[in-house]
Amino acid sequence: MSTSSTSSGRGTSPAAPLRTRVVPPSGGPGSAEDPALREDLLRTWVDVSEAGGSVGFVPPVDPAAVAVALDGTLARVREGRDVLVVLEEAEDGVERLRAVGMGVLLAGSTPITAHWRTVVRLMVAPHLQGRGAGRRLLAAVHAAARDLGLEQLSLTVRDGQGLQPFYERAGYVVVGRHPGALRVGPGDDRDEVRLVVRF
């Protein structure tokens, strides 16, 4: 989840409506097979990373590297393994809604962990920071988890980004810390903090 307040300067109205939805694995426009959705998510992921969001990359960001990660994510969604929730925004002069955020429920690999999943890649576009978009997206991820019958979710945050209080307000509790797990630059190692919410 990015904490940046940088504006993307895309000219979207501050009052533009937002909606969330679970992305179907297949089926044409709006599905995990949709090239337009991929383009939106790639733009969002790069923008969030460039603004300093802790979503797997640090500035300066190589869009090709982000594309590889995104394509892997979309492949797992198309295969029915993971669940992708997107946040969409109306854009002036554009008929379709544009994806400006996402979160993924990553499937476990064994039956004994089938009652919970890991939340990864939770992010909203920088221009939406401070407008409640992150809370709305996280609530939609939680709703998708409940629809799957899950009992708990786990996620990790990069220490020093101010993200822990955001998740704690949503019911998450810290269950562990990996000191120095994330090397975001030379001489800049950060702890990875693991949080869990139970339904």
Protein backbone atom coordinates (compact mmCIF):
# COMPACT_ATOMS: atom_id res chain seq x y z
CA MET A 1 0.00 0.00 0.00
CA SER A 2 1.58 3.26 -1.02
CA THR A 3 1.74 6.14 1.43
CA SER A 4 2.74 8.73 -1.16
CA SER A 5 0.59 11.81 -1.62
CA THR A 6 2.05 12.70 -4.99
CA SER A 7 -0.51 13.59 -7.66
CA SER A 8 -0.38 11.79 -10.97
CA GLY A 9 -1.55 14.91 -12.80
CA ARG A 10 -3.89 12.92 -15.02
CA GLY A 11 -6.71 15.43 -14.81
CA THR A 12 -9.20 13.14 -13.12
CA SER A 13 -11.83 15.00 -11.15
CA PRO A 14 -11.45 14.78 -7.36
CA ALA A 15 -15.11 13.71 -7.23
CA ALA A 16 -14.69 10.93 -9.81
CA PRO A 17 -16.62 7.84 -8.68
CA LEU A 18 -14.71 4.79 -7.51
CA ARG A 19 -15.80 1.18 -7.48
CA THR A 20 -14.23 -2.16 -6.59
CA ARG A 21 -14.71 -5.56 -8.16
CA VAL A 22 -13.24 -9.04 -8.32
CA VAL A 23 -11.64 -9.66 -11.70
CA PRO A 24 -12.88 -12.81 -13.46
CA PRO A 25 -10.14 -15.15 -14.71
CA SER A 26 -11.45 -15.06 -18.29
CA GLY A 27 -14.28 -13.76 -20.40
CA GLY A 28 -13.10 -10.77 -22.36
CA PRO A 29 -13.19 -7.09 -21.34
CA GLY A 30 -12.56 -6.56 -17.65
CA SER A 31 -11.16 -10.04 -17.13
CA ALA A 32 -7.59 -11.08 -16.35
CA GLU A 33 -7.20 -11.59 -20.11
CA ASP A 34 -8.01 -7.96 -20.93
CA PRO A 35 -5.01 -6.03 -22.36
CA ALA A 36 -6.58 -2.72 -21.31
CA LEU A 37 -6.76 -3.88 -17.68
CA ARG A 38 -3.13 -5.00 -17.86
CA GLU A 39 -2.13 -1.57 -19.19
CA ASP A 40 -4.00 0.19 -16.37
CA LEU A 41 -2.47 -2.00 -13.68
CA LEU A 42 1.01 -1.64 -15.10
CA ARG A 43 0.69 2.15 -15.13
CA THR A 44 -0.61 2.12 -11.55
CA TRP A 45 2.12 -0.22 -10.28
CA VAL A 46 4.87 1.87 -11.90
CA ASP A 47 3.36 5.14 -10.61
CA VAL A 48 3.03 3.78 -7.06
CA SER A 49 6.60 2.46 -7.13
CA GLU A 50 8.01 5.72 -8.46
CA ALA A 51 6.16 7.58 -5.69
CA GLY A 52 7.90 5.42 -3.08
CA GLY A 53 5.15 2.89 -2.43
CA SER A 54 6.32 -0.40 -0.94
CA VAL A 55 5.05 -2.77 -3.61
CA GLY A 56 8.18 -4.67 -4.57
CA PHE A 57 10.22 -2.04 -6.39
CA VAL A 58 12.15 1.13 -5.56
CA PRO A 59 12.77 4.21 -7.73
CA PRO A 60 14.00 4.49 -10.39
CA VAL A 61 11.61 1.81 -11.58
CA ASP A 62 12.16 -0.36 -14.66
CA PRO A 63 8.66 -0.74 -16.20
CA ALA A 64 9.77 -3.93 -17.94
CA ALA A 65 10.57 -5.54 -14.58
CA VAL A 66 7.19 -4.47 -13.21
CA ALA A 67 5.53 -5.91 -16.33
CA VAL A 68 7.13 -9.29 -15.67
CA ALA A 69 5.79 -9.30 -12.11
CA LEU A 70 2.34 -8.18 -13.26
CA ASP A 71 2.19 -10.82 -15.99
CA GLY A 72 3.00 -13.48 -13.40
CA THR A 73 0.21 -12.19 -11.20
CA LEU A 74 -2.32 -12.14 -14.04
CA ALA A 75 -1.30 -15.66 -15.11
CA ARG A 76 -2.10 -17.00 -11.63
CA VAL A 77 -5.47 -15.24 -11.72
CA ARG A 78 -6.24 -16.67 -15.17
CA GLU A 79 -5.37 -20.13 -13.84
CA GLY A 80 -7.85 -19.66 -11.02
CA ARG A 81 -5.22 -19.86 -8.28
CA ASP A 82 -5.26 -16.27 -7.02
CA VAL A 83 -8.03 -13.68 -6.68
CA LEU A 84 -7.51 -10.16 -8.03
CA VAL A 85 -9.54 -7.25 -6.67
CA VAL A 86 -9.30 -3.92 -8.50
CA LEU A 87 -10.25 -0.37 -7.69
CA GLU A 88 -11.63 1.51 -10.69
CA GLU A 89 -12.19 5.19 -11.38
CA ALA A 90 -14.22 7.05 -13.97
CA GLU A 91 -12.06 9.20 -16.22
CA ASP A 92 -13.23 12.24 -18.17
CA GLY A 93 -13.84 11.44 -21.81
CA VAL A 94 -13.30 7.69 -21.35
CA GLU A 95 -16.27 5.33 -21.52
CA ARG A 96 -14.80 2.50 -19.47
CA LEU A 97 -13.60 2.73 -15.90
CA ARG A 98 -9.84 2.74 -15.44
CA ALA A 99 -8.14 0.44 -12.91
CA VAL A 100 -6.28 2.61 -10.37
CA GLY A 101 -5.60 0.09 -7.63
CA MET A 102 -5.39 -3.59 -6.91
CA GLY A 103 -4.94 -6.24 -4.27
CA VAL A 104 -4.31 -9.96 -4.65
CA LEU A 105 -5.35 -12.88 -2.47
CA LEU A 106 -2.48 -15.29 -2.95
CA ALA A 107 -3.47 -18.94 -2.67
CA GLY A 108 -1.59 -21.25 -0.34
CA SER A 109 0.19 -24.33 -1.59
CA THR A 110 -1.08 -26.96 0.87
CA PRO A 111 -4.49 -28.10 2.16
CA ILE A 112 -3.55 -27.31 5.76
CA THR A 113 -3.37 -23.58 4.92
CA ALA A 114 -6.58 -23.47 2.86
CA HIS A 115 -8.42 -21.49 5.58
CA TRP A 116 -6.31 -18.35 5.03
CA ARG A 117 -4.49 -16.45 2.31
CA THR A 118 -1.79 -13.82 1.94
CA VAL A 119 -2.65 -10.33 0.68
CA VAL A 120 -0.06 -9.01 -1.77
CA ARG A 121 0.32 -6.02 -4.10
CA LEU A 122 -2.25 -3.88 -2.32
CA MET A 123 -1.88 -0.44 -3.89
CA VAL A 124 -3.81 2.60 -5.07
CA ALA A 125 -2.65 5.25 -7.51
CA PRO A 126 -0.79 8.16 -5.89
CA HIS A 127 -3.44 10.73 -6.81
CA LEU A 128 -5.98 8.84 -4.70
CA GLN A 129 -3.97 8.99 -1.48
CA GLY A 130 -5.84 10.58 1.40
CA ARG A 131 -9.28 10.02 -0.16
CA GLY A 132 -10.17 6.75 1.56
CA ALA A 133 -9.41 4.72 -1.56
CA GLY A 134 -7.04 2.40 0.30
CA ARG A 135 -9.63 1.65 2.96
CA ARG A 136 -12.23 0.98 0.29
CA LEU A 137 -9.93 -1.37 -1.60
CA LEU A 138 -8.92 -3.24 1.55
CA ALA A 139 -12.58 -3.66 2.51
CA ALA A 140 -13.26 -5.17 -0.93
CA VAL A 141 -10.33 -7.57 -0.48
CA HIS A 142 -11.78 -8.60 2.88
CA ALA A 143 -15.21 -9.11 1.29
CA ALA A 144 -13.66 -11.33 -1.39
CA ALA A 145 -11.87 -13.30 1.32
CA ARG A 146 -15.10 -13.85 3.23
CA ASP A 147 -16.82 -14.97 0.01
CA LEU A 148 -14.12 -17.62 -0.26
CA GLY A 149 -14.87 -18.77 3.27
CA LEU A 150 -11.47 -17.67 4.57
CA GLU A 151 -10.93 -17.25 8.30
CA GLN A 152 -7.87 -15.00 8.28
CA LEU A 153 -5.51 -13.02 6.08
CA SER A 154 -1.81 -12.31 6.39
CA LEU A 155 0.30 -9.58 4.83
CA THR A 156 3.69 -7.94 5.23
CA VAL A 157 4.71 -4.29 5.22
CA ARG A 158 8.02 -2.53 4.83
CA ASP A 159 8.99 -0.90 8.10
CA GLY A 160 9.54 2.85 7.98
CA GLN A 161 6.72 3.55 5.50
CA GLY A 162 4.03 4.36 8.05
CA LEU A 163 1.79 1.55 6.85
CA GLN A 164 1.36 -0.41 10.06
CA PRO A 165 -1.28 1.94 11.60
CA PHE A 166 -3.37 1.78 8.41
CA TYR A 167 -3.67 -1.99 8.71
CA GLU A 168 -4.08 -1.97 12.48
CA ARG A 169 -7.12 0.29 12.09
CA ALA A 170 -8.55 -2.41 9.81
CA GLY A 171 -8.13 -5.05 12.52
CA TYR A 172 -4.67 -6.42 11.74
CA VAL A 173 -2.23 -7.30 14.52
CA VAL A 174 1.52 -7.69 14.28
CA VAL A 175 2.59 -11.32 14.60
CA GLY A 176 6.25 -11.09 13.58
CA ARG A 177 9.17 -9.08 12.30
CA HIS A 178 12.05 -10.08 10.03
CA PRO A 179 14.91 -7.67 10.77
CA GLY A 180 16.71 -6.34 7.70
CA ALA A 181 14.74 -8.51 5.28
CA LEU A 182 14.29 -5.81 2.65
CA ARG A 183 17.25 -4.09 1.01
CA VAL A 184 15.78 -0.99 -0.61
CA GLY A 185 19.16 0.59 -1.33
CA PRO A 186 22.84 0.46 -0.42
CA GLY A 187 23.05 0.60 3.35
CA ASP A 188 19.27 0.83 3.66
CA ASP A 189 17.90 -2.44 5.00
CA ARG A 190 14.35 -2.41 6.36
CA ASP A 191 12.48 -4.82 8.57
CA GLU A 192 9.57 -6.75 7.11
CA VAL A 193 6.62 -6.75 9.50
CA ARG A 194 3.96 -9.47 9.28
CA LEU A 195 0.35 -8.72 10.26
CA VAL A 196 -2.73 -10.93 10.47
CA VAL A 197 -6.47 -10.22 10.60
CA ARG A 198 -9.04 -12.81 11.66
CA PHE A 199 -12.68 -12.80 10.60
